[in-house]
Amino acid sequence: MAYINLYTNNPTAGGTDGTVVSLDGTQTSPISVTLDKTKAESKAIKCAIRCDTGYKTSGDVTISLSGTTASKWKLAKDSNYADAAAALTSAAWADSIVVSGVTTANTIFWAKAASSVDENTTKDTSVSIKASCTIESA
């Protein structure tokens, strides 16, 4: 049991929907983005974090990025963006974010991947999103 998980596929704020993201690098259900390097484009992906039933976080949760090409990714807290296009225009992108009050309901955040014209075409599976926190019984 993981106690806390990340979700994608358009999760609803305060809901319990979404698809759980693969754990421990298994790539069974990764956050996936296809980018055109010739356009040096970026795309935002709506994500959520929530605890398993019967658990909650004690204090803040730091969500961060790690991996070989983590510099091509950024994170942002949800500010009620209407969609991914609105999230992309936000100036709030960072290498890590801190959220609080994570329970069994979705807390929304955004991940953004970017490409550059000078990179090689590849299927990159080197980046992980990590949540650091203390979990307690609800």
Protein backbone atom coordinates (compact mmCIF):
# COMPACT_ATOMS: atom_id res chain seq x y z
CA MET A 1 0.00 0.00 0.00
CA ALA A 2 1.37 3.41 -0.98
CA TYR A 3 -0.89 5.54 1.32
CA ILE A 4 -0.56 8.51 -1.06
CA ASN A 5 -0.72 8.51 -4.87
CA LEU A 6 -0.61 10.78 -7.90
CA TYR A 7 -3.41 10.74 -10.49
CA THR A 8 -3.84 11.97 -14.07
CA ASN A 9 -6.45 11.83 -16.87
CA ASN A 10 -8.27 15.03 -15.89
CA PRO A 11 -8.96 14.47 -12.18
CA THR A 12 -11.63 16.63 -10.53
CA ALA A 13 -10.71 18.96 -7.64
CA GLY A 14 -12.17 17.49 -4.45
CA GLY A 15 -13.12 14.28 -6.26
CA THR A 16 -11.75 10.76 -6.19
CA ASP A 17 -11.40 10.23 -9.94
CA GLY A 18 -8.39 10.02 -12.23
CA THR A 19 -5.99 7.24 -13.15
CA VAL A 20 -3.30 6.36 -10.64
CA VAL A 21 0.19 7.09 -11.99
CA SER A 22 2.61 4.16 -12.03
CA LEU A 23 4.68 3.63 -8.91
CA ASP A 24 8.40 2.93 -8.51
CA GLY A 25 9.23 3.50 -12.18
CA THR A 26 7.13 0.58 -13.40
CA GLN A 27 5.76 2.64 -16.34
CA THR A 28 2.42 0.79 -16.18
CA SER A 29 0.49 4.08 -16.19
CA PRO A 30 2.97 6.95 -16.61
CA ILE A 31 2.26 10.62 -17.19
CA SER A 32 2.83 10.79 -20.92
CA VAL A 33 3.38 13.77 -23.23
CA THR A 34 4.19 13.91 -26.93
CA LEU A 35 6.04 17.06 -27.96
CA ASP A 36 7.31 18.36 -31.32
CA LYS A 37 10.92 19.38 -30.81
CA THR A 38 10.92 21.45 -34.01
CA LYS A 39 8.35 23.73 -32.36
CA ALA A 40 10.05 23.79 -28.95
CA GLU A 41 6.60 23.31 -27.49
CA SER A 42 5.33 22.63 -23.99
CA LYS A 43 2.20 20.97 -22.66
CA ALA A 44 0.55 21.09 -19.24
CA ILE A 45 -0.96 18.00 -17.65
CA LYS A 46 -3.58 18.23 -14.91
CA CYS A 47 -2.65 15.97 -12.00
CA ALA A 48 -3.92 15.23 -8.51
CA ILE A 49 -2.52 13.91 -5.27
CA ARG A 50 -4.61 12.15 -2.64
CA CYS A 51 -4.31 9.72 0.25
CA ASP A 52 -5.80 6.26 0.49
CA THR A 53 -8.99 5.86 2.52
CA GLY A 54 -8.30 6.24 6.24
CA TYR A 55 -5.21 8.43 5.82
CA LYS A 56 -4.25 12.10 5.51
CA THR A 57 -1.07 14.14 5.49
CA SER A 58 0.36 15.69 8.59
CA GLY A 59 1.64 19.08 7.48
CA ASP A 60 2.81 20.05 4.03
CA VAL A 61 3.56 17.88 1.01
CA THR A 62 6.54 18.80 -1.16
CA ILE A 63 6.07 17.65 -4.75
CA SER A 64 9.31 17.65 -6.74
CA LEU A 65 10.94 16.36 -9.89
CA SER A 66 13.99 14.13 -10.28
CA GLY A 67 15.74 12.40 -13.13
CA THR A 68 18.09 12.98 -16.04
CA THR A 69 15.87 15.48 -17.89
CA ALA A 70 13.94 16.90 -14.93
CA SER A 71 14.99 20.39 -16.07
CA LYS A 72 12.53 20.05 -18.97
CA TRP A 73 9.65 19.68 -16.50
CA LYS A 74 8.02 22.16 -14.10
CA LEU A 75 5.21 22.02 -11.55
CA ALA A 76 2.50 24.50 -10.55
CA LYS A 77 -0.15 24.63 -7.86
CA ASP A 78 -3.72 24.67 -9.10
CA SER A 79 -5.18 28.16 -9.22
CA ASN A 80 -8.48 27.01 -10.71
CA TYR A 81 -7.08 27.00 -14.24
CA ALA A 82 -9.93 26.35 -16.67
CA ASP A 83 -7.74 24.05 -18.75
CA ALA A 84 -4.18 23.20 -19.69
CA ALA A 85 -3.90 26.22 -21.99
CA ALA A 86 -4.65 28.54 -19.07
CA ALA A 87 -2.14 26.69 -16.90
CA LEU A 88 0.60 27.18 -19.51
CA THR A 89 0.30 30.95 -19.26
CA SER A 90 0.85 30.89 -15.49
CA ALA A 91 4.07 32.34 -14.15
CA ALA A 92 3.88 29.99 -11.16
CA TRP A 93 5.94 27.13 -12.65
CA ALA A 94 8.70 25.77 -10.38
CA ASP A 95 10.96 22.78 -9.84
CA SER A 96 8.98 21.90 -6.71
CA ILE A 97 5.76 22.99 -5.05
CA VAL A 98 4.30 22.69 -1.56
CA VAL A 99 0.64 21.79 -0.99
CA SER A 100 -1.15 21.24 2.29
CA GLY A 101 -4.27 19.54 3.55
CA VAL A 102 -4.01 16.43 1.36
CA THR A 103 -6.76 13.98 2.28
CA THR A 104 -8.73 11.29 0.43
CA ALA A 105 -10.01 13.92 -2.03
CA ASN A 106 -8.02 15.16 -5.03
CA THR A 107 -5.70 18.12 -4.54
CA ILE A 108 -5.00 19.39 -8.04
CA PHE A 109 -1.60 20.48 -9.36
CA TRP A 110 -0.10 20.77 -12.84
CA ALA A 111 2.99 19.28 -14.50
CA LYS A 112 4.47 20.83 -17.63
CA ALA A 113 6.87 19.20 -20.07
CA ALA A 114 8.87 21.17 -22.62
CA SER A 115 10.93 20.30 -25.67
CA SER A 116 13.78 22.17 -27.33
CA VAL A 117 14.94 22.19 -30.94
CA ASP A 118 18.44 21.00 -29.99
CA GLU A 119 17.43 17.74 -28.30
CA ASN A 120 17.43 14.27 -29.83
CA THR A 121 14.12 12.56 -30.48
CA THR A 122 13.61 10.02 -27.72
CA LYS A 123 11.14 8.27 -25.48
CA ASP A 124 12.31 9.69 -22.17
CA THR A 125 11.33 7.75 -19.05
CA SER A 126 13.97 9.25 -16.76
CA VAL A 127 11.82 11.78 -14.86
CA SER A 128 9.92 11.00 -11.66
CA ILE A 129 7.50 13.12 -9.67
CA LYS A 130 8.01 12.62 -5.94
CA ALA A 131 5.84 13.52 -2.97
CA SER A 132 7.58 13.97 0.37
CA CYS A 133 5.38 14.11 3.46
CA THR A 134 4.25 12.46 6.65
CA ILE A 135 1.09 10.32 6.48
CA GLU A 136 -1.15 9.69 9.48
CA SER A 137 -4.45 7.98 10.20
CA ALA A 138 -7.45 10.15 9.42
